[in-house]
Protein backbone atom coordinates (compact mmCIF):
# COMPACT_ATOMS: atom_id res chain seq x y z
CA MET A 1 -11.92 -8.45 33.67
CA ASP A 2 -13.06 -11.91 32.22
CA ASP A 3 -15.62 -10.44 29.72
CA PHE A 4 -12.73 -7.87 28.18
CA LYS A 5 -10.71 -10.82 27.75
CA ARG A 6 -13.28 -12.79 26.03
CA MET A 7 -13.97 -10.19 23.81
CA ALA A 8 -10.37 -9.95 22.90
CA VAL A 9 -10.13 -13.59 22.14
CA PHE A 10 -13.42 -13.20 19.80
CA ALA A 11 -11.96 -10.52 18.19
CA ALA A 12 -8.48 -12.27 17.71
CA VAL A 13 -10.63 -15.48 16.16
CA VAL A 14 -12.34 -13.27 13.47
CA GLN A 15 -8.94 -11.29 12.51
CA HIS A 16 -6.87 -14.65 12.09
CA GLY A 17 -10.00 -16.49 10.66
CA SER A 18 -9.99 -19.65 12.93
CA MET A 19 -9.82 -20.78 16.67
CA THR A 20 -6.71 -22.74 15.83
CA ALA A 21 -4.85 -19.91 14.63
CA ALA A 22 -6.10 -17.39 17.21
CA ALA A 23 -4.98 -20.13 19.82
CA LYS A 24 -1.43 -19.89 18.35
CA VAL A 25 -1.47 -16.10 18.28
CA LEU A 26 -2.75 -15.93 21.96
CA GLY A 27 -0.52 -18.36 23.36
CA ILE A 28 -3.49 -20.68 24.58
CA SER A 29 -4.97 -24.06 23.81
CA PRO A 30 -7.99 -24.07 20.90
CA SER A 31 -10.23 -25.65 23.61
CA ALA A 32 -9.83 -22.67 25.88
CA ILE A 33 -10.62 -20.45 22.85
CA SER A 34 -13.82 -22.38 22.03
CA GLN A 35 -14.98 -22.39 25.84
CA HIS A 36 -14.30 -18.31 25.70
CA ILE A 37 -16.61 -18.27 22.60
CA ARG A 38 -19.34 -20.71 24.22
CA GLN A 39 -19.53 -18.49 27.50
CA LEU A 40 -19.92 -15.14 25.30
CA GLU A 41 -22.79 -16.81 23.27
CA ARG A 42 -24.18 -18.30 26.62
CA GLU A 43 -24.05 -14.77 28.30
CA GLY A 44 -25.60 -12.85 25.10
CA GLY A 45 -28.17 -15.49 24.50
CA VAL A 46 -27.27 -15.41 20.65
CA THR A 47 -24.76 -17.32 18.42
CA LEU A 48 -21.69 -15.39 17.12
CA LEU A 49 -20.14 -18.06 15.05
CA HIS A 50 -21.23 -20.47 12.50
CA ARG A 51 -18.68 -23.21 12.79
CA SER A 52 -17.44 -26.20 10.68
CA THR A 53 -14.40 -28.64 10.65
CA ARG A 54 -12.54 -26.01 8.20
CA GLN A 55 -13.89 -22.46 8.70
CA ILE A 56 -16.08 -19.98 10.83
CA ALA A 57 -18.50 -17.74 9.75
CA LEU A 58 -19.82 -14.49 11.64
CA THR A 59 -23.64 -14.49 12.27
CA ASP A 60 -25.57 -10.81 12.01
CA ALA A 61 -25.20 -10.57 15.59
CA GLY A 62 -21.74 -11.61 15.68
CA GLN A 63 -20.54 -9.08 12.81
CA ARG A 64 -21.88 -6.32 15.10
CA PHE A 65 -20.37 -7.69 18.27
CA TYR A 66 -16.93 -7.70 16.52
CA LEU A 67 -17.08 -4.36 15.44
CA GLN A 68 -17.19 -3.23 19.11
CA CYS A 69 -14.65 -5.88 20.18
CA ALA A 70 -12.30 -4.73 17.54
CA HIS A 71 -12.63 -0.94 18.81
CA MET A 72 -11.78 -2.02 22.22
CA THR A 73 -8.74 -4.32 21.34
CA ALA A 74 -7.72 -1.24 18.96
CA ALA A 75 -7.95 1.11 22.20
CA ALA A 76 -5.70 -1.51 23.95
CA ASP A 77 -3.27 -1.27 21.18
CA ARG A 78 -3.13 2.23 21.43
CA ALA A 79 -2.47 2.35 25.04
CA ARG A 80 0.44 -0.04 24.56
CA ALA A 81 1.79 1.95 21.90
CA GLU A 82 1.88 5.05 24.18
CA LEU A 83 4.20 3.16 26.50
CA ALA A 84 6.17 1.88 23.37
CA ALA A 85 6.43 5.34 22.29
CA ALA A 86 8.53 6.31 25.18
CA GLN A 87 11.55 3.77 24.09
CA GLN A 88 14.20 5.19 22.35
CA ASP A 89 14.67 2.04 20.22
CA PRO A 90 12.43 0.51 18.10
CA SER A 91 11.47 -3.25 18.61
CA GLY A 92 9.07 -5.78 18.04
CA GLU A 93 6.98 -6.59 14.82
CA LEU A 94 6.77 -3.52 12.18
CA ARG A 95 3.78 -4.84 9.89
CA LEU A 96 4.25 -2.64 6.80
CA SER A 97 1.51 -2.50 4.14
CA ALA A 98 2.64 -1.43 0.61
CA PRO A 99 1.87 -1.80 -3.00
CA VAL A 100 3.45 -4.66 -4.96
CA GLY A 101 6.05 -2.08 -6.76
CA PHE A 102 7.33 -1.30 -3.55
CA ALA A 103 9.15 -4.95 -3.42
CA ARG A 104 12.33 -3.48 -5.27
CA HIS A 105 12.72 -0.65 -2.64
CA ALA A 106 12.09 -2.31 0.32
CA ALA A 107 15.73 -3.34 1.03
CA PRO A 108 17.48 -0.38 0.18
CA ALA A 109 14.70 1.75 2.03
CA LEU A 110 14.81 -0.22 5.21
CA GLY A 111 17.27 -2.62 5.06
CA ALA A 112 20.04 -0.74 6.82
CA TRP A 113 17.74 0.46 9.64
CA LEU A 114 16.33 -3.03 10.29
CA ALA A 115 20.18 -4.04 10.63
CA ARG A 116 20.84 -1.45 13.24
CA PHE A 117 18.12 -2.93 15.41
CA PRO A 118 18.18 -6.82 15.84
CA GLN A 119 15.14 -6.47 17.96
CA LEU A 120 13.16 -5.04 15.24
CA SER A 121 11.20 -7.42 12.57
CA LEU A 122 9.54 -6.73 9.61
CA ARG A 123 6.36 -7.91 8.17
CA LEU A 124 6.04 -6.72 4.67
CA LEU A 125 2.31 -7.04 3.22
CA LEU A 126 2.31 -6.21 -0.41
CA ASP A 127 -0.90 -5.75 -2.15
CA ASP A 128 -1.89 -3.23 -4.70
CA ALA A 129 -5.65 -3.15 -3.45
CA PRO A 130 -5.98 -1.06 -0.30
CA ILE A 131 -6.49 -3.27 2.62
CA ASP A 132 -8.03 -2.24 5.99
CA LEU A 133 -5.31 -1.12 8.36
CA ILE A 134 -7.27 -2.34 11.39
CA GLN A 135 -8.22 -5.69 10.22
CA ALA A 136 -4.75 -6.64 9.08
CA ARG A 137 -3.26 -5.02 12.18
CA VAL A 138 -1.04 -2.88 9.99
CA ASP A 139 1.06 -0.45 11.73
CA LEU A 140 2.03 1.70 8.45
CA ALA A 141 0.77 1.55 5.04
CA LEU A 142 2.95 3.02 2.07
CA ARG A 143 0.32 4.53 -0.71
CA TYR A 144 0.52 6.21 -3.74
CA GLY A 145 -1.68 8.93 -5.62
CA HIS A 146 -4.91 10.40 -4.27
CA GLN A 147 -5.99 9.69 -0.76
CA ALA A 148 -9.91 9.44 -0.29
CA ASP A 149 -11.25 10.83 2.84
CA SER A 150 -10.96 8.48 5.76
CA SER A 151 -10.43 8.15 9.60
CA TRP A 152 -6.71 7.05 8.69
CA VAL A 153 -3.82 9.50 9.24
CA ALA A 154 -1.87 10.37 6.09
CA ARG A 155 1.47 12.15 5.88
CA LYS A 156 2.75 13.06 2.46
CA LEU A 157 6.37 11.79 2.19
CA ALA A 158 7.10 12.95 -1.46
CA HIS A 159 6.11 13.31 -4.75
CA THR A 160 7.56 12.01 -8.24
CA PRO A 161 6.46 13.37 -11.82
CA PHE A 162 5.00 11.02 -14.47
CA TRP A 163 6.93 10.22 -17.32
CA LEU A 164 5.87 8.81 -20.90
CA CYS A 165 8.05 6.06 -21.63
CA ALA A 166 8.43 3.54 -24.67
CA ALA A 167 10.86 0.92 -25.60
CA PRO A 168 13.73 1.78 -28.27
CA GLN A 169 12.15 -0.80 -30.62
CA TRP A 170 8.79 0.51 -30.40
CA LEU A 171 10.10 4.01 -31.17
CA GLN A 172 11.89 2.58 -34.44
CA ALA A 173 8.70 0.91 -35.72
CA HIS A 174 6.46 4.07 -35.07
CA GLY A 175 8.54 6.95 -36.63
CA GLY A 176 11.08 7.72 -33.82
CA LEU A 177 10.87 10.77 -30.89
CA PRO A 178 7.84 12.84 -31.17
CA LEU A 179 8.23 16.58 -30.66
CA HIS A 180 4.77 17.39 -29.36
CA PRO A 181 1.68 15.53 -27.80
CA VAL A 182 -0.18 15.73 -31.01
CA GLN A 183 2.01 13.56 -32.56
CA LEU A 184 1.38 10.47 -30.66
CA PRO A 185 -0.86 7.95 -31.39
CA THR A 186 -4.25 7.42 -29.95
CA THR A 187 -3.63 3.68 -29.51
CA HIS A 188 -0.88 1.57 -28.79
CA TRP A 189 -0.94 2.68 -25.05
CA LEU A 190 -0.44 0.60 -21.79
CA GLY A 191 -3.05 1.32 -18.92
CA LEU A 192 -2.72 0.91 -15.34
CA SER A 193 -6.29 0.59 -13.63
CA ARG A 194 -8.20 -1.52 -10.78
CA HIS A 195 -11.25 -0.98 -12.21
CA ASP A 196 -12.84 -1.53 -15.68
CA GLN A 197 -12.06 1.60 -17.91
CA ALA A 198 -12.14 2.34 -21.61
CA HIS A 199 -10.01 5.55 -21.89
CA LEU A 200 -6.87 7.43 -20.67
CA HIS A 201 -7.47 11.18 -20.18
CA LEU A 202 -4.31 12.93 -20.16
CA GLN A 203 -3.30 16.41 -19.38
CA TRP A 204 -0.12 18.06 -20.81
CA GLN A 205 1.44 21.34 -20.01
CA HIS A 206 4.94 22.60 -21.69
CA GLN A 207 7.24 23.50 -18.75
CA THR A 208 8.69 26.74 -20.67
CA THR A 209 5.60 27.94 -22.82
CA GLY A 210 2.81 26.96 -20.73
CA GLU A 211 0.91 25.56 -23.52
CA HIS A 212 -2.03 23.17 -22.31
CA PHE A 213 -2.85 20.13 -24.58
CA ALA A 214 -5.72 17.66 -23.74
CA GLN A 215 -5.57 13.82 -25.10
CA GLN A 216 -7.86 10.83 -24.78
CA VAL A 217 -6.31 7.68 -25.89
CA GLN A 218 -7.18 4.03 -26.00
CA PRO A 219 -4.86 1.50 -24.26
CA ASN A 220 -4.71 -1.85 -26.07
CA ALA A 221 -3.43 -3.37 -22.74
CA TRP A 222 -4.87 -2.72 -19.38
CA CYS A 223 -3.28 -4.03 -16.08
CA ASN A 224 -3.91 -3.71 -12.37
CA HIS A 225 -0.05 -4.21 -11.71
CA LEU A 226 2.38 -1.14 -12.52
CA GLY A 227 5.33 -3.75 -12.71
CA ALA A 228 3.46 -5.57 -15.28
CA VAL A 229 2.76 -2.47 -17.28
CA GLN A 230 6.19 -1.77 -17.29
CA GLN A 231 7.30 -5.10 -18.39
CA LEU A 232 4.83 -4.89 -21.57
CA CYS A 233 6.39 -1.44 -22.01
CA GLN A 234 9.79 -2.80 -22.33
CA ALA A 235 8.87 -5.52 -24.40
CA GLY A 236 7.84 -3.01 -27.02
CA LEU A 237 3.92 -3.28 -26.86
CA GLY A 238 3.12 0.34 -26.37
CA LEU A 239 3.64 3.83 -24.39
CA ALA A 240 3.09 3.82 -20.76
CA ILE A 241 2.99 6.56 -17.96
CA LEU A 242 5.81 5.73 -15.27
CA SER A 243 7.42 7.08 -12.30
CA PRO A 244 11.24 7.88 -12.53
CA ILE A 245 11.53 6.38 -9.02
CA ASP A 246 10.68 2.95 -10.73
CA ILE A 247 12.41 2.97 -14.15
CA ALA A 248 15.42 5.06 -13.47
CA GLY A 249 18.04 2.04 -14.03
CA GLU A 250 16.14 1.07 -17.25
CA ILE A 251 16.19 4.65 -18.49
CA ALA A 252 20.25 4.56 -18.02
CA ARG A 253 20.51 1.37 -19.35
CA GLY A 254 18.47 2.35 -22.58
CA GLU A 255 16.01 -0.43 -22.04
CA LEU A 256 13.37 2.64 -21.91
CA VAL A 257 13.26 5.96 -23.27
CA ARG A 258 11.38 9.05 -21.66
CA LEU A 259 9.31 10.84 -24.49
CA LEU A 260 8.51 14.64 -24.39
CA PRO A 261 10.73 15.57 -21.42
CA GLY A 262 9.81 19.19 -21.94
CA TRP A 263 6.08 18.48 -21.22
CA ASP A 264 4.45 17.92 -17.77
CA MET A 265 1.95 15.23 -17.18
CA GLY A 266 1.24 15.54 -13.62
CA ARG A 267 2.71 13.91 -10.22
CA LEU A 268 2.35 10.52 -8.04
CA ASP A 269 2.09 11.63 -4.29
CA ILE A 270 3.64 9.08 -1.82
CA TRP A 271 2.08 8.84 1.41
CA ALA A 272 2.26 7.41 4.60
CA VAL A 273 -0.85 6.29 6.16
CA THR A 274 -1.25 5.12 9.86
CA PRO A 275 -4.58 3.92 11.56
CA GLN A 276 -4.57 6.08 14.41
CA ARG A 277 -3.72 9.74 15.49
CA ASP A 278 -2.16 9.18 18.94
CA THR A 279 1.55 8.80 19.50
CA GLN A 280 3.33 6.47 17.53
CA PRO A 281 5.78 4.19 18.58
CA ALA A 282 9.61 4.32 18.07
CA LYS A 283 9.31 1.76 15.01
CA VAL A 284 6.43 3.55 13.09
CA ARG A 285 7.99 6.95 13.61
CA GLN A 286 11.51 5.87 12.63
CA ALA A 287 9.98 3.99 9.51
CA ILE A 288 8.39 6.94 8.43
CA GLU A 289 11.52 9.11 8.58
CA GLU A 290 13.75 6.24 6.89
CA LEU A 291 11.08 6.15 4.05
CA GLN A 292 11.08 9.86 3.51
CA ALA A 293 14.76 10.35 3.41
CA TYR A 294 15.04 7.27 1.19
CA PHE A 295 12.47 8.52 -1.57
CA ALA A 296 14.42 11.99 -1.27
CA MET A 297 17.43 10.38 -2.59
CA LEU A 298 15.74 8.81 -5.69
CA GLU A 299 15.89 10.33 -9.06
CA GLY A 300 12.83 12.26 -10.06
CA ALA A 301 11.47 12.39 -6.44
CA GLN A 302 10.88 15.46 -4.41
CA ARG A 303 10.61 15.41 -0.52
CA GLU A 304 7.60 16.91 1.08
CA VAL A 305 8.86 19.44 3.98
């Protein structure tokens, strides 16, 4: 049993980045943490961590050992989750990862639910780049778009169409509303990407006639943050492909205009992703239900059944 405890302590040190941080989480002293690590190294005959006054770094052996320790602690977490799942009311901390753009939706989506359960707390981790759910100890991740194959469990919550938008001042300066995609410029676009990219490849389909139209455009500005793309568009700097769940208010106030509403540009899928396939605790199950109900109420979004 002592070996299992030391392995859990070692995994906590790696996950939290220091012995001091791990000590605070585990409720023991930093010196006790250090003793556990030294005992593991003596028994294994290898160095697991390079230590300095400010940071730690894994050795090659430490990295391999950590992966197995992380699997062990994850299995223990799943065992505890099985017990928590039997509870009717959610409790503890829900660690939710989501894109930065979800910040505007967090309170209306989850606020009333959190208020009903004062024993439940939320830790919201906002990052447009996907994070490792195990390493970050994430209970639930909200993700948009295509999901690559992985060991995570993904459940589709809803989908929303893409809308082509521009600011009124941009339209006034560039000839008004277009009637067909062929009338759109190939420059003056705003692109969203986390990678180096030169062009946007667009596919259009008319909702009534079924006509298809393909277009390649050259953005004059790229950004890895959707909120920044929207702000640039509202400032009149170009055309942007946005989602109605984020811009319904701006459209209603006339700050943005939807272009070519009779043409379909595809859709954005919204997913709930969890790191395990086993029974989910009440806090995760109910959070997924709350998110699905919230997205179903938003303009332009359609719930998955």
